Amino acid sequence: MRKICLALLALTAACSSAPPGGAPAAKSYKIAVIPQGATHEFWKSIHAGAIKASRDLKAEGVDVTVIWKAPLREDDREQQVQVVEGFLAQGISGIVLAPFDRRALVRPVEEAKRAGIPTVVLDSGLDSDQVVSFLASNNHRGGELAAEHMAKLLSGKGKVLLLRYQEGVASTEAREQGFVDGIKAYPGIELISSDQYAGGTRDTAKTAAENLLNRYGNQIQGIFTPNESSTSGTLLALEDVRKAGKITFIGFDASEAFIAAMRAGTLHGIVVQNPFRMGELGVRTMVDHLRGKAVEKKVDTGVQLISPETLDAADSQQLLHPPLAKYLEAGPGGF
């Protein structure tokens, strides 16, 4: 048995050694990219960026295949855990993960590492030091930007509310805290509600926003929501009670509906990230790590506030319209 093992090790070393001329041996990599969901524009942008990275790397002579798999529901912790676990026996090289829950995904990620499968984390943090790198926006700063813009639009006076997303999601918790901290800098603005949650979908967000508007609609001058689904649901609720445009409303993340709402004057600003860049850097960072290159443990992928006044600026348009069709039109795998 010992002779067989030594022979296998020698064969492995021979297969992985550099060919004549000193160039590294060619190798294929399968990267599982696991978002929180698939329906929001944010996740589609991450998908497109991941595919761009795989195509560019192939053009550079590195064979990379992206395997995209999302939970059916964005608010399903257990299903995302199962998606991660399901990849462990599929011969993948690494995982690029946007964890829905900062605690629930720790165990499967650390199990993956023990199985020799490293993880790069995107967008939302994980309570583990066993990841290769964490790539995300400065989410706390994003919340602060929303607070600053709110204060500017309200001239430093008024009552506002925060409709949170869901408990346990590190990215939105940081945005919410950034907004709360930012508003404290303006003593003329009162945060009259900050303990309600929108839930994981546009419909649950609409219901939560309707409840808040029924209670506070005649008192407030402003609303902040920290992600795409909470912003979308709240926009619908404001339209239903005919308060759209009458209450200053700032959301988070980008969509065509939000662009139209800003042009119509019913949404007064959005804080946007760069999910396309996140997806691209996530795959490239994982491949660099697998090839033995040093990578940064934490990368800030940027955050920016876009208002109706800055909507048509070149940098805004680049963030609002990533080239999704170019990379997603070939189907779910992008190839």
Protein backbone atom coordinates (compact mmCIF):
# COMPACT_ATOMS: atom_id res chain seq x y z
CA MET A 1 0.00 0.00 0.00
CA ARG A 2 2.82 2.39 0.92
CA LYS A 3 4.47 1.81 -2.51
CA ILE A 4 1.17 2.54 -4.25
CA CYS A 5 0.72 5.79 -2.31
CA LEU A 6 4.27 6.90 -3.11
CA ALA A 7 3.69 6.12 -6.76
CA LEU A 8 0.49 8.17 -6.78
CA LEU A 9 2.26 11.10 -5.10
CA ALA A 10 5.03 10.95 -7.69
CA LEU A 11 2.48 10.86 -10.49
CA THR A 12 0.64 13.85 -8.99
CA ALA A 13 3.87 15.82 -8.72
CA ALA A 14 4.78 14.99 -12.31
CA CYS A 15 1.37 16.10 -13.56
CA SER A 16 1.50 19.39 -11.67
CA SER A 17 5.12 20.27 -12.45
CA ALA A 18 6.01 23.04 -14.83
CA PRO A 19 6.51 22.09 -18.48
CA PRO A 20 9.76 22.87 -20.37
CA GLY A 21 10.43 26.60 -20.49
CA GLY A 22 9.38 27.23 -16.88
CA ALA A 23 5.72 28.22 -17.53
CA PRO A 24 3.21 26.91 -14.97
CA ALA A 25 1.18 23.88 -15.96
CA ALA A 26 -2.27 24.59 -17.28
CA LYS A 27 -5.09 23.86 -14.83
CA SER A 28 -8.87 24.05 -14.87
CA TYR A 29 -10.85 25.62 -12.05
CA LYS A 30 -14.53 25.22 -11.22
CA ILE A 31 -15.81 28.09 -9.09
CA ALA A 32 -19.23 27.86 -7.42
CA VAL A 33 -20.80 31.32 -7.09
CA ILE A 34 -23.62 31.32 -4.54
CA PRO A 35 -25.65 34.53 -4.09
CA GLN A 36 -28.48 35.18 -1.65
CA GLY A 37 -31.02 35.10 -4.47
CA ALA A 38 -31.41 35.43 -8.22
CA THR A 39 -34.29 37.80 -8.98
CA HIS A 40 -32.89 41.18 -7.92
CA GLU A 41 -30.81 43.24 -10.34
CA PHE A 42 -28.04 43.24 -7.73
CA TRP A 43 -27.55 39.46 -7.97
CA LYS A 44 -27.83 39.49 -11.76
CA SER A 45 -25.02 42.04 -11.82
CA ILE A 46 -22.83 39.85 -9.59
CA HIS A 47 -23.56 36.92 -11.93
CA ALA A 48 -22.58 38.94 -15.00
CA GLY A 49 -19.36 40.14 -13.35
CA ALA A 50 -18.43 36.58 -12.40
CA ILE A 51 -18.91 35.42 -15.98
CA LYS A 52 -16.83 38.34 -17.28
CA ALA A 53 -13.99 37.25 -15.00
CA SER A 54 -14.19 33.64 -16.21
CA ARG A 55 -14.15 34.71 -19.88
CA ASP A 56 -11.28 37.13 -19.38
CA LEU A 57 -9.27 34.52 -17.50
CA LYS A 58 -9.84 32.00 -20.29
CA ALA A 59 -8.54 34.58 -22.75
CA GLU A 60 -5.45 34.83 -20.53
CA GLY A 61 -4.96 31.06 -20.71
CA VAL A 62 -6.57 30.10 -17.39
CA ASP A 63 -9.50 27.70 -17.78
CA VAL A 64 -12.24 28.84 -15.36
CA THR A 65 -15.83 27.64 -15.23
CA VAL A 66 -18.37 29.52 -13.11
CA ILE A 67 -21.20 27.43 -11.65
CA TRP A 68 -23.99 29.77 -10.52
CA LYS A 69 -26.54 28.46 -8.03
CA ALA A 70 -28.95 30.56 -6.00
CA PRO A 71 -31.47 29.60 -3.32
CA LEU A 72 -35.04 29.70 -4.60
CA ARG A 73 -35.96 32.24 -1.92
CA GLU A 74 -33.72 35.02 -0.74
CA ASP A 75 -34.87 34.71 2.87
CA ASP A 76 -34.17 30.97 3.18
CA ARG A 77 -31.10 30.47 5.38
CA GLU A 78 -31.37 26.69 5.40
CA GLN A 79 -31.58 26.44 1.64
CA GLN A 80 -28.44 28.51 1.17
CA VAL A 81 -26.68 26.25 3.68
CA GLN A 82 -27.82 23.25 1.62
CA VAL A 83 -26.54 24.84 -1.60
CA VAL A 84 -23.08 25.27 -0.06
CA GLU A 85 -23.08 21.73 1.35
CA GLY A 86 -24.25 20.31 -1.96
CA PHE A 87 -21.16 21.60 -3.74
CA LEU A 88 -18.70 19.87 -1.40
CA ALA A 89 -18.92 16.56 -3.26
CA GLN A 90 -18.98 18.04 -6.77
CA GLY A 91 -15.27 18.51 -7.38
CA ILE A 92 -15.27 22.30 -7.26
CA SER A 93 -12.10 24.30 -6.70
CA GLY A 94 -13.55 27.13 -4.62
CA ILE A 95 -16.68 28.97 -3.50
CA VAL A 96 -17.61 32.63 -3.95
CA LEU A 97 -20.43 33.26 -1.48
CA ALA A 98 -22.75 36.13 -0.55
CA PRO A 99 -24.00 34.78 2.80
CA PHE A 100 -27.58 35.52 3.73
CA ASP A 101 -26.86 35.07 7.44
CA ARG A 102 -23.55 36.00 9.05
CA ARG A 103 -23.79 33.10 11.52
CA ALA A 104 -25.78 30.32 9.79
CA LEU A 105 -23.25 29.99 6.94
CA VAL A 106 -20.19 29.71 9.21
CA ARG A 107 -20.38 25.94 9.69
CA PRO A 108 -20.71 24.95 5.99
CA VAL A 109 -17.96 27.40 4.97
CA GLU A 110 -15.58 26.02 7.59
CA GLU A 111 -16.51 22.45 6.60
CA ALA A 112 -15.68 23.37 3.01
CA LYS A 113 -12.26 24.63 4.07
CA ARG A 114 -11.55 21.40 5.92
CA ALA A 115 -12.45 19.58 2.71
CA GLY A 116 -9.88 21.67 0.82
CA ILE A 117 -12.39 24.07 -0.74
CA PRO A 118 -11.70 27.74 0.11
CA THR A 119 -14.31 30.51 0.16
CA VAL A 120 -14.29 34.15 -0.89
CA VAL A 121 -17.13 36.14 0.70
CA LEU A 122 -18.98 38.91 -1.15
CA ASP A 123 -21.34 41.70 -0.13
CA SER A 124 -22.32 40.61 3.38
CA GLY A 125 -19.94 39.55 6.13
CA LEU A 126 -19.48 36.17 7.80
CA ASP A 127 -18.54 35.62 11.45
CA SER A 128 -15.51 33.52 10.56
CA ASP A 129 -11.81 34.09 10.00
CA GLN A 130 -11.63 31.02 7.76
CA VAL A 131 -12.30 32.83 4.48
CA VAL A 132 -9.80 33.84 1.82
CA SER A 133 -11.07 37.39 1.35
CA PHE A 134 -14.09 39.61 1.97
CA LEU A 135 -15.17 41.93 -0.88
CA ALA A 136 -17.94 44.41 -0.15
CA SER A 137 -19.06 48.00 -0.12
CA ASN A 138 -18.49 50.11 2.96
CA ASN A 139 -22.08 49.51 4.01
CA HIS A 140 -21.94 51.69 7.11
CA ARG A 141 -20.76 54.57 4.93
CA GLY A 142 -23.64 53.87 2.55
CA GLY A 143 -26.11 54.40 5.40
CA GLU A 144 -24.33 57.59 6.37
CA LEU A 145 -24.60 58.88 2.79
CA ALA A 146 -28.35 58.27 2.92
CA ALA A 147 -28.60 60.18 6.21
CA GLU A 148 -26.60 63.10 4.85
CA HIS A 149 -28.75 63.32 1.73
CA MET A 150 -31.93 63.06 3.80
CA ALA A 151 -30.79 65.89 6.06
CA LYS A 152 -29.93 68.03 3.04
CA LEU A 153 -33.34 67.50 1.43
CA LEU A 154 -35.15 68.20 4.71
CA SER A 155 -32.96 71.22 5.49
CA GLY A 156 -31.95 69.56 8.76
CA LYS A 157 -35.49 69.38 10.21
CA GLY A 158 -38.23 66.77 10.31
CA LYS A 159 -39.31 63.30 11.38
CA VAL A 160 -38.07 60.23 9.55
CA LEU A 161 -38.31 56.46 9.81
CA LEU A 162 -36.08 53.54 8.93
CA LEU A 163 -37.62 50.31 7.63
CA ARG A 164 -34.99 47.62 8.21
CA TYR A 165 -34.48 44.56 6.00
CA GLN A 166 -34.00 41.30 8.00
CA GLU A 167 -32.17 40.28 11.15
CA GLY A 168 -28.82 38.56 10.73
CA VAL A 169 -27.86 40.08 7.35
CA ALA A 170 -24.55 41.82 8.01
CA SER A 171 -24.60 44.15 4.98
CA THR A 172 -28.02 45.67 5.64
CA GLU A 173 -27.41 45.81 9.39
CA ALA A 174 -24.35 47.96 8.69
CA ARG A 175 -26.36 50.25 6.37
CA GLU A 176 -29.09 50.63 8.95
CA GLN A 177 -26.57 51.46 11.67
CA GLY A 178 -24.86 53.92 9.36
CA PHE A 179 -28.16 55.71 8.80
CA VAL A 180 -28.94 55.79 12.53
CA ASP A 181 -25.45 57.11 13.31
CA GLY A 182 -25.60 59.63 10.49
CA ILE A 183 -28.95 61.07 11.56
CA LYS A 184 -27.58 61.71 15.05
CA ALA A 185 -25.44 64.47 13.53
CA TYR A 186 -28.62 66.46 12.80
CA PRO A 187 -30.42 67.35 16.06
CA GLY A 188 -33.34 68.82 14.13
CA ILE A 189 -34.21 65.42 12.66
CA GLU A 190 -36.06 62.86 14.79
CA LEU A 191 -35.93 59.14 13.97
CA ILE A 192 -39.39 58.10 15.16
CA SER A 193 -39.31 54.43 14.09
CA SER A 194 -36.33 52.16 13.48
CA ASP A 195 -37.32 48.74 14.82
CA GLN A 196 -39.53 47.34 12.06
CA TYR A 197 -38.42 44.83 9.42
CA ALA A 198 -39.41 44.56 5.77
CA GLY A 199 -38.78 40.83 5.35
CA GLY A 200 -37.19 39.08 2.40
CA THR A 201 -39.45 40.03 -0.52
CA ARG A 202 -41.01 43.05 -2.17
CA ASP A 203 -44.46 41.90 -1.02
CA THR A 204 -43.50 41.55 2.64
CA ALA A 205 -41.81 44.94 2.44
CA LYS A 206 -44.94 46.50 0.96
CA THR A 207 -47.03 45.15 3.83
CA ALA A 208 -44.55 46.38 6.45
CA ALA A 209 -44.39 49.81 4.80
CA GLU A 210 -48.19 50.03 4.66
CA ASN A 211 -48.35 49.35 8.39
CA LEU A 212 -45.80 52.07 9.10
CA LEU A 213 -47.55 54.56 6.82
CA ASN A 214 -50.88 53.84 8.49
CA ARG A 215 -49.29 54.69 11.82
CA TYR A 216 -46.87 57.49 10.95
CA GLY A 217 -47.86 58.64 7.46
CA ASN A 218 -49.19 62.01 8.61
CA GLN A 219 -46.18 62.70 10.86
CA ILE A 220 -43.11 61.86 8.82
CA GLN A 221 -41.17 63.76 6.22
CA GLY A 222 -38.69 61.02 5.26
CA ILE A 223 -38.11 57.26 4.86
CA PHE A 224 -34.94 55.21 4.34
CA THR A 225 -34.84 51.57 3.21
CA PRO A 226 -31.59 49.56 3.05
CA ASN A 227 -31.88 47.20 0.05
CA GLU A 228 -33.61 46.58 -3.26
CA SER A 229 -36.66 44.63 -2.05
CA SER A 230 -37.40 46.94 0.90
CA THR A 231 -37.08 49.96 -1.39
CA SER A 232 -39.32 48.41 -4.05
CA GLY A 233 -42.05 47.42 -1.58
CA THR A 234 -42.02 50.80 0.13
CA LEU A 235 -42.28 52.59 -3.21
CA LEU A 236 -45.40 50.56 -4.02
CA ALA A 237 -46.88 51.31 -0.60
CA LEU A 238 -46.28 55.05 -1.03
CA GLU A 239 -47.94 54.95 -4.44
CA ASP A 240 -50.97 53.08 -3.08
CA VAL A 241 -51.62 55.68 -0.36
CA ARG A 242 -50.85 58.56 -2.75
CA LYS A 243 -47.89 59.80 -0.77
CA ALA A 244 -45.25 59.00 -3.39
CA GLY A 245 -43.26 62.18 -3.96
CA LYS A 246 -44.76 63.85 -0.89
CA ILE A 247 -42.50 62.03 1.58
CA THR A 248 -38.76 62.23 0.97
CA PHE A 249 -37.69 58.70 0.17
CA ILE A 250 -34.15 57.34 -0.11
CA GLY A 251 -33.44 53.71 -0.96
CA PHE A 252 -30.54 51.37 -1.59
CA ASP A 253 -29.40 49.47 -4.70
CA ALA A 254 -30.37 50.06 -8.32
CA SER A 255 -33.09 48.92 -10.71
CA GLU A 256 -34.86 50.30 -13.77
CA ALA A 257 -37.94 50.91 -11.61
CA PHE A 258 -35.89 53.07 -9.25
CA ILE A 259 -34.43 55.08 -12.13
CA ALA A 260 -37.97 55.72 -13.43
CA ALA A 261 -39.12 56.68 -9.92
CA MET A 262 -36.30 59.20 -9.58
CA ARG A 263 -37.22 60.74 -12.91
CA ALA A 264 -40.84 60.89 -11.75
CA GLY A 265 -39.90 62.54 -8.46
CA THR A 266 -41.18 59.72 -6.24
CA LEU A 267 -37.73 58.48 -5.17
CA HIS A 268 -35.23 61.12 -4.08
CA GLY A 269 -32.01 59.15 -4.09
CA ILE A 270 -30.47 55.69 -4.02
CA VAL A 271 -27.23 54.49 -2.53
CA VAL A 272 -25.63 52.16 -5.05
CA GLN A 273 -22.86 49.61 -4.92
CA ASN A 274 -20.88 48.02 -7.71
CA PRO A 275 -22.12 44.40 -7.77
CA PHE A 276 -20.72 43.81 -11.27
CA ARG A 277 -17.24 44.61 -9.96
CA MET A 278 -17.93 42.48 -6.87
CA GLY A 279 -18.70 39.42 -8.97
CA GLU A 280 -15.70 39.97 -11.24
CA LEU A 281 -13.25 40.54 -8.39
CA GLY A 282 -14.73 37.66 -6.41
CA VAL A 283 -13.89 35.11 -9.10
CA ARG A 284 -10.50 36.67 -9.89
CA THR A 285 -9.57 36.73 -6.19
CA MET A 286 -10.46 33.06 -5.80
CA VAL A 287 -8.46 32.05 -8.88
CA ASP A 288 -5.46 34.10 -7.73
CA HIS A 289 -5.62 32.35 -4.36
CA LEU A 290 -5.86 28.91 -5.98
CA ARG A 291 -2.82 29.75 -8.12
CA GLY A 292 -0.79 30.62 -5.03
CA LYS A 293 -0.88 34.39 -5.37
CA ALA A 294 -1.26 36.70 -2.38
CA VAL A 295 -4.70 38.35 -2.09
CA GLU A 296 -6.09 41.14 0.07
CA LYS A 297 -8.10 39.97 3.09
CA LYS A 298 -10.59 42.80 2.68
CA VAL A 299 -11.49 44.83 -0.43
CA ASP A 300 -13.79 47.88 -0.53
CA THR A 301 -15.71 47.73 -3.81
CA GLY A 302 -17.21 51.21 -3.49
CA VAL A 303 -20.49 52.93 -2.64
CA GLN A 304 -22.08 56.08 -4.07
CA LEU A 305 -25.28 58.09 -3.68
CA ILE A 306 -27.16 58.88 -6.88
CA SER A 307 -29.85 61.56 -6.87
CA PRO A 308 -32.16 62.77 -9.63
CA GLU A 309 -29.65 65.59 -10.21
CA THR A 310 -26.71 63.22 -10.75
CA LEU A 311 -28.67 60.46 -12.50
CA ASP A 312 -27.32 61.18 -15.98
CA ALA A 313 -23.68 61.68 -14.98
CA ALA A 314 -21.29 59.26 -16.68
CA ASP A 315 -20.16 57.58 -13.45
CA SER A 316 -23.79 57.14 -12.35
CA GLN A 317 -24.80 55.61 -15.66
CA GLN A 318 -21.92 53.14 -15.49
CA LEU A 319 -23.11 51.89 -12.10
CA LEU A 320 -26.78 51.87 -13.08
CA HIS A 321 -26.38 50.00 -16.36
CA PRO A 322 -23.81 47.20 -16.10
CA PRO A 323 -23.58 45.04 -19.26
CA LEU A 324 -25.88 42.25 -18.06
CA ALA A 325 -27.11 41.10 -21.48
CA LYS A 326 -23.56 40.74 -22.77
CA TYR A 327 -22.78 38.14 -20.14
CA LEU A 328 -26.15 36.61 -19.22
CA GLU A 329 -27.90 36.32 -22.57
CA ALA A 330 -26.34 32.90 -23.29
CA GLY A 331 -28.30 31.34 -20.43
CA PRO A 332 -27.97 30.65 -16.69
CA GLY A 333 -24.34 29.61 -16.94
CA GLY A 334 -23.45 32.50 -19.24
CA PHE A 335 -21.78 30.29 -21.83
